[in-house]
Amino acid sequence: MAFRPTFALVTALAVTALGAAPALSGCAGASDGERNDANEEGREDDYAASDFAEDSILPYAGDWLDPPRALSGIGQFDRLRGTIHDDAKCSTMVAVAAAVVGGRDRFLTLLGQIEKLRAGKRDDLAIIARVRVAIDQKKLTPRLIHELTEAMVRAYGVANGAFDEQIREMVRASGYVAVKTGSKRPSVLVDSLGEREVVPLSTVAENIPHITLLWKDARGVVRLYDSDDLRGSHVLPRGSAKYRARVDDPQSAWDLAEKYR
């Protein structure tokens, strides 16, 4: 079981206690060199120049969010006063991104699961209620997504990082079913993806492991969602320099060797 604490201090303590370095999903900002990479082969898909304003309405395609466009401008470092777990939220951002990719019904299923886990917690139930109203009105905003991920941190107990199994649980909370791929290698995981299927991918940013999400969209394009503190889009299309830097890294993998459909 791979524990993914957020901070370097936690990592050091874990190494001392366990005698070996665990796999992590902390969330470091990208280096200047990384931020200045051109999105070479996928330039037309580099939708967002920076994060969306918190109260802007996210891009829709019909009755639901347009996943690559909506996710392109939503990172985990929202810097809102009311959200306090930005460093630990890569796992919850991945779960929300999976629900966005899955569609309106799956997103509502995720809300229902969080609602059950936070029963009796008035503040978190109020967040879920606001998100439901925004879905009905087609007015979801980054602020609502960030508030929701904060409620998820509490619902799943991942304030200090998430186990792979917890990440799987959060992804499956929106109705996905696990399918074994036979390999944890990114190349096999990517090749296995069907339309709107997803798979988390553990990557490394500034020597701190971090969780991201791979999926194949309705156009057949494989994309990577990275919620880290990037300059530019958080959605990286297959073939772009930033995508290759993460997916081709020999340290990248999904140790549970399964995708979700």
C-alpha atoms as a PDB file:
ATOM      1  CA  MET A   1       0.000   0.000   0.000  1.00  0.00           C
ATOM      2  CA  ALA A   2       1.553   3.307  -1.039  1.00  0.00           C
ATOM      3  CA  PHE A   3       0.983   6.234   1.306  1.00  0.00           C
ATOM      4  CA  ARG A   4       1.108   9.654  -0.273  1.00  0.00           C
ATOM      5  CA  PRO A   5       1.791  12.349   2.385  1.00  0.00           C
ATOM      6  CA  THR A   6       2.039  15.926   1.247  1.00  0.00           C
ATOM      7  CA  PHE A   7       4.935  17.551   2.983  1.00  0.00           C
ATOM      8  CA  ALA A   8       8.658  16.776   2.901  1.00  0.00           C
ATOM      9  CA  LEU A   9       8.710  16.662   6.710  1.00  0.00           C
ATOM     10  CA  VAL A  10       6.052  13.949   6.707  1.00  0.00           C
ATOM     11  CA  THR A  11       8.104  12.062   4.131  1.00  0.00           C
ATOM     12  CA  ALA A  12      11.209  12.205   6.296  1.00  0.00           C
ATOM     13  CA  LEU A  13       9.311  10.947   9.329  1.00  0.00           C
ATOM     14  CA  ALA A  14       7.785   8.119   7.307  1.00  0.00           C
ATOM     15  CA  VAL A  15      11.167   7.052   5.973  1.00  0.00           C
ATOM     16  CA  THR A  16      12.573   7.022   9.510  1.00  0.00           C
ATOM     17  CA  ALA A  17       9.648   5.004  10.839  1.00  0.00           C
ATOM     18  CA  LEU A  18       9.275   2.537   8.002  1.00  0.00           C
ATOM     19  CA  GLY A  19      12.855   2.201   6.839  1.00  0.00           C
ATOM     20  CA  ALA A  20      11.973   2.874   3.210  1.00  0.00           C
ATOM     21  CA  ALA A  21      10.672   5.785   1.170  1.00  0.00           C
ATOM     22  CA  PRO A  22       6.938   5.534   0.380  1.00  0.00           C
ATOM     23  CA  ALA A  23       5.384   6.577  -2.883  1.00  0.00           C
ATOM     24  CA  LEU A  24       4.068  10.121  -2.421  1.00  0.00           C
ATOM     25  CA  SER A  25       1.555  12.490  -3.952  1.00  0.00           C
ATOM     26  CA  GLY A  26       2.589  15.846  -2.601  1.00  0.00           C
ATOM     27  CA  CYS A  27       1.969  18.875  -4.763  1.00  0.00           C
ATOM     28  CA  ALA A  28       4.946  21.006  -5.655  1.00  0.00           C
ATOM     29  CA  GLY A  29       4.893  23.953  -8.023  1.00  0.00           C
ATOM     30  CA  ALA A  30       6.479  23.460 -11.448  1.00  0.00           C
ATOM     31  CA  SER A  31       9.985  24.756 -12.060  1.00  0.00           C
ATOM     32  CA  ASP A  32      10.584  27.813 -14.249  1.00  0.00           C
ATOM     33  CA  GLY A  33      11.981  25.585 -16.981  1.00  0.00           C
ATOM     34  CA  GLU A  34       8.868  23.412 -16.881  1.00  0.00           C
ATOM     35  CA  ARG A  35       6.566  26.420 -16.936  1.00  0.00           C
ATOM     36  CA  ASN A  36       8.239  27.823 -20.049  1.00  0.00           C
ATOM     37  CA  ASP A  37       7.940  24.634 -22.110  1.00  0.00           C
ATOM     38  CA  ALA A  38       5.951  25.083 -25.302  1.00  0.00           C
ATOM     39  CA  ASN A  39       2.910  22.863 -25.640  1.00  0.00           C
ATOM     40  CA  GLU A  40       4.497  21.740 -28.888  1.00  0.00           C
ATOM     41  CA  GLU A  41       2.314  19.119 -30.556  1.00  0.00           C
ATOM     42  CA  GLY A  42      -0.878  19.997 -28.693  1.00  0.00           C
ATOM     43  CA  ARG A  43      -0.811  23.783 -28.908  1.00  0.00           C
ATOM     44  CA  GLU A  44      -4.400  23.973 -30.175  1.00  0.00           C
ATOM     45  CA  ASP A  45      -5.547  22.237 -26.975  1.00  0.00           C
ATOM     46  CA  ASP A  46      -3.767  24.579 -24.562  1.00  0.00           C
ATOM     47  CA  TYR A  47      -7.116  26.092 -23.605  1.00  0.00           C
ATOM     48  CA  ALA A  48      -6.326  28.213 -20.548  1.00  0.00           C
ATOM     49  CA  ALA A  49      -3.503  30.731 -20.265  1.00  0.00           C
ATOM     50  CA  SER A  50      -3.966  30.764 -16.477  1.00  0.00           C
ATOM     51  CA  ASP A  51      -6.434  29.614 -13.832  1.00  0.00           C
ATOM     52  CA  PHE A  52      -9.985  30.846 -14.270  1.00  0.00           C
ATOM     53  CA  ALA A  53     -11.311  33.519 -11.930  1.00  0.00           C
ATOM     54  CA  GLU A  54     -12.974  31.812  -8.970  1.00  0.00           C
ATOM     55  CA  ASP A  55     -16.479  33.050  -9.758  1.00  0.00           C
ATOM     56  CA  SER A  56     -16.382  32.634 -13.523  1.00  0.00           C
ATOM     57  CA  ILE A  57     -18.827  30.125 -15.001  1.00  0.00           C
ATOM     58  CA  LEU A  58     -16.947  27.125 -16.330  1.00  0.00           C
ATOM     59  CA  PRO A  59     -17.169  26.209 -20.046  1.00  0.00           C
ATOM     60  CA  TYR A  60     -20.103  23.968 -20.957  1.00  0.00           C
ATOM     61  CA  ALA A  61     -20.839  21.746 -23.950  1.00  0.00           C
ATOM     62  CA  GLY A  62     -24.611  21.264 -23.971  1.00  0.00           C
ATOM     63  CA  ASP A  63     -25.993  20.256 -20.576  1.00  0.00           C
ATOM     64  CA  TRP A  64     -22.648  19.490 -18.959  1.00  0.00           C
ATOM     65  CA  LEU A  65     -19.156  20.858 -18.570  1.00  0.00           C
ATOM     66  CA  ASP A  66     -16.770  20.568 -21.495  1.00  0.00           C
ATOM     67  CA  PRO A  67     -14.149  18.463 -19.636  1.00  0.00           C
ATOM     68  CA  PRO A  68     -10.864  19.584 -21.245  1.00  0.00           C
ATOM     69  CA  ARG A  69     -11.872  23.227 -21.351  1.00  0.00           C
ATOM     70  CA  ALA A  70     -13.399  23.298 -17.864  1.00  0.00           C
ATOM     71  CA  LEU A  71     -10.531  21.422 -16.198  1.00  0.00           C
ATOM     72  CA  SER A  72      -7.868  23.393 -18.051  1.00  0.00           C
ATOM     73  CA  GLY A  73      -8.266  26.383 -15.737  1.00  0.00           C
ATOM     74  CA  ILE A  74      -8.863  24.680 -12.362  1.00  0.00           C
ATOM     75  CA  GLY A  75      -5.843  23.952 -10.196  1.00  0.00           C
ATOM     76  CA  GLN A  76      -5.694  22.891  -6.581  1.00  0.00           C
ATOM     77  CA  PHE A  77      -3.959  26.014  -5.286  1.00  0.00           C
ATOM     78  CA  ASP A  78      -7.006  28.255  -5.145  1.00  0.00           C
ATOM     79  CA  ARG A  79      -5.674  30.524  -2.388  1.00  0.00           C
ATOM     80  CA  LEU A  80      -9.181  31.075  -1.011  1.00  0.00           C
ATOM     81  CA  ARG A  81      -9.411  31.927   2.685  1.00  0.00           C
ATOM     82  CA  GLY A  82     -12.036  29.275   3.293  1.00  0.00           C
ATOM     83  CA  THR A  83     -10.011  26.393   1.859  1.00  0.00           C
ATOM     84  CA  ILE A  84      -7.024  25.244   3.876  1.00  0.00           C
ATOM     85  CA  HIS A  85      -5.868  21.979   2.310  1.00  0.00           C
ATOM     86  CA  ASP A  86      -4.490  23.157  -1.040  1.00  0.00           C
ATOM     87  CA  ASP A  87      -1.262  21.183  -0.577  1.00  0.00           C
ATOM     88  CA  ALA A  88      -3.134  17.929   0.047  1.00  0.00           C
ATOM     89  CA  LYS A  89      -5.868  18.225  -2.559  1.00  0.00           C
ATOM     90  CA  CYS A  90      -4.286  16.621  -5.633  1.00  0.00           C
ATOM     91  CA  SER A  91      -6.100  13.369  -4.825  1.00  0.00           C
ATOM     92  CA  THR A  92      -9.503  15.011  -4.440  1.00  0.00           C
ATOM     93  CA  MET A  93      -8.932  17.115  -7.568  1.00  0.00           C
ATOM     94  CA  VAL A  94      -8.241  13.896  -9.489  1.00  0.00           C
ATOM     95  CA  ALA A  95     -11.502  12.392  -8.218  1.00  0.00           C
ATOM     96  CA  VAL A  96     -13.483  15.497  -9.166  1.00  0.00           C
ATOM     97  CA  ALA A  97     -11.816  15.571 -12.583  1.00  0.00           C
ATOM     98  CA  ALA A  98     -12.802  11.925 -13.128  1.00  0.00           C
ATOM     99  CA  ALA A  99     -16.411  12.794 -12.267  1.00  0.00           C
ATOM    100  CA  VAL A 100     -16.336  15.759 -14.671  1.00  0.00           C
ATOM    101  CA  VAL A 101     -15.048  13.496 -17.449  1.00  0.00           C
ATOM    102  CA  GLY A 102     -17.719  10.905 -16.632  1.00  0.00           C
ATOM    103  CA  GLY A 103     -20.566  13.362 -17.117  1.00  0.00           C
ATOM    104  CA  ARG A 104     -23.395  14.999 -15.195  1.00  0.00           C
ATOM    105  CA  ASP A 105     -24.874  11.796 -13.746  1.00  0.00           C
ATOM    106  CA  ARG A 106     -21.533  10.602 -12.439  1.00  0.00           C
ATOM    107  CA  PHE A 107     -20.831  13.978 -10.901  1.00  0.00           C
ATOM    108  CA  LEU A 108     -24.190  13.836  -9.118  1.00  0.00           C
ATOM    109  CA  THR A 109     -23.373  10.315  -7.926  1.00  0.00           C
ATOM    110  CA  LEU A 110     -20.139  11.641  -6.415  1.00  0.00           C
ATOM    111  CA  LEU A 111     -22.072  14.391  -4.639  1.00  0.00           C
ATOM    112  CA  GLY A 112     -24.399  11.786  -3.174  1.00  0.00           C
ATOM    113  CA  GLN A 113     -21.496   9.754  -1.802  1.00  0.00           C
ATOM    114  CA  ILE A 114     -19.869  12.786  -0.203  1.00  0.00           C
ATOM    115  CA  GLU A 115     -23.240  13.767   1.238  1.00  0.00           C
ATOM    116  CA  LYS A 116     -23.547  10.365   2.946  1.00  0.00           C
ATOM    117  CA  LEU A 117     -20.051  10.582   4.388  1.00  0.00           C
ATOM    118  CA  ARG A 118     -20.648  14.099   5.721  1.00  0.00           C
ATOM    119  CA  ALA A 119     -24.159  13.474   7.071  1.00  0.00           C
ATOM    120  CA  GLY A 120     -24.838  15.846   9.962  1.00  0.00           C
ATOM    121  CA  LYS A 121     -21.946  18.175   9.004  1.00  0.00           C
ATOM    122  CA  ARG A 122     -23.899  21.312   8.211  1.00  0.00           C
ATOM    123  CA  ASP A 123     -21.142  23.315   6.510  1.00  0.00           C
ATOM    124  CA  ASP A 124     -20.198  20.528   4.109  1.00  0.00           C
ATOM    125  CA  LEU A 125     -23.829  19.716   3.340  1.00  0.00           C
ATOM    126  CA  ALA A 126     -24.322  23.398   2.497  1.00  0.00           C
ATOM    127  CA  ILE A 127     -21.422  23.177   0.034  1.00  0.00           C
ATOM    128  CA  ILE A 128     -23.009  20.167  -1.654  1.00  0.00           C
ATOM    129  CA  ALA A 129     -26.360  21.957  -1.811  1.00  0.00           C
ATOM    130  CA  ARG A 130     -24.748  24.968  -3.519  1.00  0.00           C
ATOM    131  CA  VAL A 131     -23.058  22.705  -6.035  1.00  0.00           C
ATOM    132  CA  ARG A 132     -26.372  20.966  -6.822  1.00  0.00           C
ATOM    133  CA  VAL A 133     -28.078  24.316  -7.467  1.00  0.00           C
ATOM    134  CA  ALA A 134     -25.219  25.384  -9.742  1.00  0.00           C
ATOM    135  CA  ILE A 135     -25.507  22.128 -11.697  1.00  0.00           C
ATOM    136  CA  ASP A 136     -29.228  22.687 -12.187  1.00  0.00           C
ATOM    137  CA  GLN A 137     -28.573  26.239 -13.360  1.00  0.00           C
ATOM    138  CA  LYS A 138     -25.494  25.338 -15.445  1.00  0.00           C
ATOM    139  CA  LYS A 139     -23.437  27.767 -13.388  1.00  0.00           C
ATOM    140  CA  LEU A 140     -20.624  25.703 -11.883  1.00  0.00           C
ATOM    141  CA  THR A 141     -17.604  27.817 -10.950  1.00  0.00           C
ATOM    142  CA  PRO A 142     -14.032  27.096  -9.824  1.00  0.00           C
ATOM    143  CA  ARG A 143     -14.942  28.367  -6.351  1.00  0.00           C
ATOM    144  CA  LEU A 144     -17.643  25.704  -6.006  1.00  0.00           C
ATOM    145  CA  ILE A 145     -15.271  22.992  -7.238  1.00  0.00           C
ATOM    146  CA  HIS A 146     -12.620  24.102  -4.750  1.00  0.00           C
ATOM    147  CA  GLU A 147     -15.128  24.153  -1.889  1.00  0.00           C
ATOM    148  CA  LEU A 148     -16.287  20.680  -2.890  1.00  0.00           C
ATOM    149  CA  THR A 149     -12.767  19.270  -2.871  1.00  0.00           C
ATOM    150  CA  GLU A 150     -12.299  20.724   0.595  1.00  0.00           C
ATOM    151  CA  ALA A 151     -15.385  18.805   1.764  1.00  0.00           C
ATOM    152  CA  MET A 152     -13.932  15.698   0.107  1.00  0.00           C
ATOM    153  CA  VAL A 153     -10.687  16.059   2.046  1.00  0.00           C
ATOM    154  CA  ARG A 154     -12.742  15.808   5.222  1.00  0.00           C
ATOM    155  CA  ALA A 155     -15.038  13.074   3.893  1.00  0.00           C
ATOM    156  CA  TYR A 156     -12.177  10.758   2.954  1.00  0.00           C
ATOM    157  CA  GLY A 157      -9.653  11.767   5.615  1.00  0.00           C
ATOM    158  CA  VAL A 158      -6.896  12.793   3.201  1.00  0.00           C
ATOM    159  CA  ALA A 159      -5.703  16.053   4.787  1.00  0.00           C
ATOM    160  CA  ASN A 160      -2.169  14.642   5.017  1.00  0.00           C
ATOM    161  CA  GLY A 161      -2.157  12.709   1.746  1.00  0.00           C
ATOM    162  CA  ALA A 162      -3.952   9.703   0.303  1.00  0.00           C
ATOM    163  CA  PHE A 163      -3.261   6.000  -0.114  1.00  0.00           C
ATOM    164  CA  ASP A 164      -3.699   4.630  -3.625  1.00  0.00           C
ATOM    165  CA  GLU A 165      -6.687   2.717  -2.305  1.00  0.00           C
ATOM    166  CA  GLN A 166      -8.269   5.964  -1.083  1.00  0.00           C
ATOM    167  CA  ILE A 167      -7.746   7.566  -4.479  1.00  0.00           C
ATOM    168  CA  ARG A 168      -9.402   4.535  -6.077  1.00  0.00           C
ATOM    169  CA  GLU A 169     -12.302   4.855  -3.623  1.00  0.00           C
ATOM    170  CA  MET A 170     -12.799   8.526  -4.485  1.00  0.00           C
ATOM    171  CA  VAL A 171     -12.691   7.865  -8.231  1.00  0.00           C
ATOM    172  CA  ARG A 172     -15.136   4.966  -7.921  1.00  0.00           C
ATOM    173  CA  ALA A 173     -17.465   7.111  -5.783  1.00  0.00           C
ATOM    174  CA  SER A 174     -18.833   8.636  -8.993  1.00  0.00           C
ATOM    175  CA  GLY A 175     -19.834   5.227 -10.374  1.00  0.00           C
ATOM    176  CA  TYR A 176     -16.706   4.024 -12.143  1.00  0.00           C
ATOM    177  CA  VAL A 177     -15.833   0.319 -12.134  1.00  0.00           C
ATOM    178  CA  ALA A 178     -12.235  -0.887 -11.885  1.00  0.00           C
ATOM    179  CA  VAL A 179     -10.820  -2.932 -14.776  1.00  0.00           C
ATOM    180  CA  LYS A 180      -7.418  -4.597 -14.448  1.00  0.00           C
ATOM    181  CA  THR A 181      -4.878  -3.559 -17.095  1.00  0.00           C
ATOM    182  CA  GLY A 182      -2.132  -6.065 -16.256  1.00  0.00           C
ATOM    183  CA  SER A 183       0.467  -3.336 -15.904  1.00  0.00           C
ATOM    184  CA  LYS A 184       1.156  -0.184 -13.910  1.00  0.00           C
ATOM    185  CA  ARG A 185       3.250   1.302 -16.753  1.00  0.00           C
ATOM    186  CA  PRO A 186       1.899   4.532 -18.316  1.00  0.00           C
ATOM    187  CA  SER A 187       2.253   3.260 -21.896  1.00  0.00           C
ATOM    188  CA  VAL A 188       0.061   0.232 -21.176  1.00  0.00           C
ATOM    189  CA  LEU A 189      -2.426   2.275 -19.170  1.00  0.00           C
ATOM    190  CA  VAL A 190      -2.767   4.811 -21.972  1.00  0.00           C
ATOM    191  CA  ASP A 191      -3.176   2.142 -24.659  1.00  0.00           C
ATOM    192  CA  SER A 192      -5.915   0.482 -22.600  1.00  0.00           C
ATOM    193  CA  LEU A 193      -8.118   3.572 -22.374  1.00  0.00           C
ATOM    194  CA  GLY A 194     -11.488   3.642 -24.097  1.00  0.00           C
ATOM    195  CA  GLU A 195     -13.701   6.701 -24.526  1.00  0.00           C
ATOM    196  CA  ARG A 196     -14.271   8.491 -21.196  1.00  0.00           C
ATOM    197  CA  GLU A 197     -12.272   5.895 -19.291  1.00  0.00           C
ATOM    198  CA  VAL A 198      -9.858   7.248 -16.694  1.00  0.00           C
ATOM    199  CA  VAL A 199      -6.790   6.191 -14.753  1.00  0.00           C
ATOM    200  CA  PRO A 200      -4.846   8.074 -12.047  1.00  0.00           C
ATOM    201  CA  LEU A 201      -1.127   8.434 -12.668  1.00  0.00           C
ATOM    202  CA  SER A 202       1.441   9.005  -9.950  1.00  0.00           C
ATOM    203  CA  THR A 203       4.071  11.426 -11.242  1.00  0.00           C
ATOM    204  CA  VAL A 204       6.905  13.402  -9.662  1.00  0.00           C
ATOM    205  CA  ALA A 205       7.141  17.202  -9.454  1.00  0.00           C
ATOM    206  CA  GLU A 206      10.259  18.754  -7.924  1.00  0.00           C
ATOM    207  CA  ASN A 207      11.093  15.391  -6.327  1.00  0.00           C
ATOM    208  CA  ILE A 208       7.676  15.196  -4.642  1.00  0.00           C
ATOM    209  CA  PRO A 209       5.368  12.485  -6.044  1.00  0.00           C
ATOM    210  CA  HIS A 210       1.986  13.803  -7.075  1.00  0.00           C
ATOM    211  CA  ILE A 211      -1.233  12.306  -8.469  1.00  0.00           C
ATOM    212  CA  THR A 212      -2.695  13.257 -11.863  1.00  0.00           C
ATOM    213  CA  LEU A 213      -5.432  11.851 -14.130  1.00  0.00           C
ATOM    214  CA  LEU A 214      -5.281  10.328 -17.598  1.00  0.00           C
ATOM    215  CA  TRP A 215      -8.396   9.975 -19.742  1.00  0.00           C
ATOM    216  CA  LYS A 216      -9.517   9.587 -23.330  1.00  0.00           C
ATOM    217  CA  ASP A 217     -12.105  12.091 -24.503  1.00  0.00           C
ATOM    218  CA  ALA A 218     -14.957  11.720 -27.003  1.00  0.00           C
ATOM    219  CA  ARG A 219     -12.630  12.825 -29.819  1.00  0.00           C
ATOM    220  CA  GLY A 220     -10.259   9.974 -29.037  1.00  0.00           C
ATOM    221  CA  VAL A 221      -7.619  12.321 -27.618  1.00  0.00           C
ATOM    222  CA  VAL A 222      -5.736  11.128 -24.527  1.00  0.00           C
ATOM    223  CA  ARG A 223      -5.233  13.922 -22.021  1.00  0.00           C
ATOM    224  CA  LEU A 224      -3.577  14.379 -18.632  1.00  0.00           C
ATOM    225  CA  TYR A 225      -5.084  16.560 -15.916  1.00  0.00           C
ATOM    226  CA  ASP A 226      -2.486  17.982 -13.525  1.00  0.00           C
ATOM    227  CA  SER A 227      -3.831  20.173 -10.717  1.00  0.00           C
ATOM    228  CA  ASP A 228      -0.389  21.376  -9.638  1.00  0.00           C
ATOM    229  CA  ASP A 229       0.638  25.052  -9.624  1.00  0.00           C
ATOM    230  CA  LEU A 230       1.347  25.302 -13.342  1.00  0.00           C
ATOM    231  CA  ARG A 231       1.668  28.268 -15.655  1.00  0.00           C
ATOM    232  CA  GLY A 232      -0.818  27.606 -18.418  1.00  0.00           C
ATOM    233  CA  SER A 233      -3.339  24.829 -18.919  1.00  0.00           C
ATOM    234  CA  HIS A 234      -3.892  22.073 -16.365  1.00  0.00           C
ATOM    235  CA  VAL A 235      -4.997  19.783 -19.217  1.00  0.00           C
ATOM    236  CA  LEU A 236      -2.081  18.426 -21.220  1.00  0.00           C
ATOM    237  CA  PRO A 237      -2.889  16.658 -24.511  1.00  0.00           C
ATOM    238  CA  ARG A 238      -0.951  13.580 -25.582  1.00  0.00           C
ATOM    239  CA  GLY A 239       2.117  14.614 -27.552  1.00  0.00           C
ATOM    240  CA  SER A 240       2.649  17.947 -25.815  1.00  0.00           C
ATOM    241  CA  ALA A 241       5.953  18.586 -24.079  1.00  0.00           C
ATOM    242  CA  LYS A 242       4.418  18.796 -20.605  1.00  0.00           C
ATOM    243  CA  TYR A 243       2.451  15.582 -21.163  1.00  0.00           C
ATOM    244  CA  ARG A 244       5.583  13.725 -22.245  1.00  0.00           C
ATOM    245  CA  ALA A 245       7.569  15.038 -19.291  1.00  0.00           C
ATOM    246  CA  ARG A 246       5.097  13.378 -16.929  1.00  0.00           C
ATOM    247  CA  VAL A 247       3.901  10.281 -18.752  1.00  0.00           C
ATOM    248  CA  ASP A 248       7.334   9.273 -20.082  1.00  0.00           C
ATOM    249  CA  ASP A 249       9.039   9.719 -16.715  1.00  0.00           C
ATOM    250  CA  PRO A 250      10.239   6.248 -15.570  1.00  0.00           C
ATOM    251  CA  GLN A 251       8.992   7.058 -12.055  1.00  0.00           C
ATOM    252  CA  SER A 252       5.402   7.544 -13.254  1.00  0.00           C
ATOM    253  CA  ALA A 253       2.971   4.650 -12.679  1.00  0.00           C
ATOM    254  CA  TRP A 254      -0.375   3.583 -11.240  1.00  0.00           C
ATOM    255  CA  ASP A 255       0.587   0.819  -8.854  1.00  0.00           C
ATOM    256  CA  LEU A 256      -2.908  -0.692  -8.677  1.00  0.00           C
ATOM    257  CA  ALA A 257      -2.607  -1.547 -12.401  1.00  0.00           C
ATOM    258  CA  GLU A 258      -6.225  -0.801 -13.249  1.00  0.00           C
ATOM    259  CA  LYS A 259      -8.306   1.723 -15.143  1.00  0.00           C
ATOM    260  CA  TYR A 260     -11.861   2.884 -14.439  1.00  0.00           C
ATOM    261  CA  ARG A 261     -14.820   2.788 -16.805  1.00  0.00           C
END
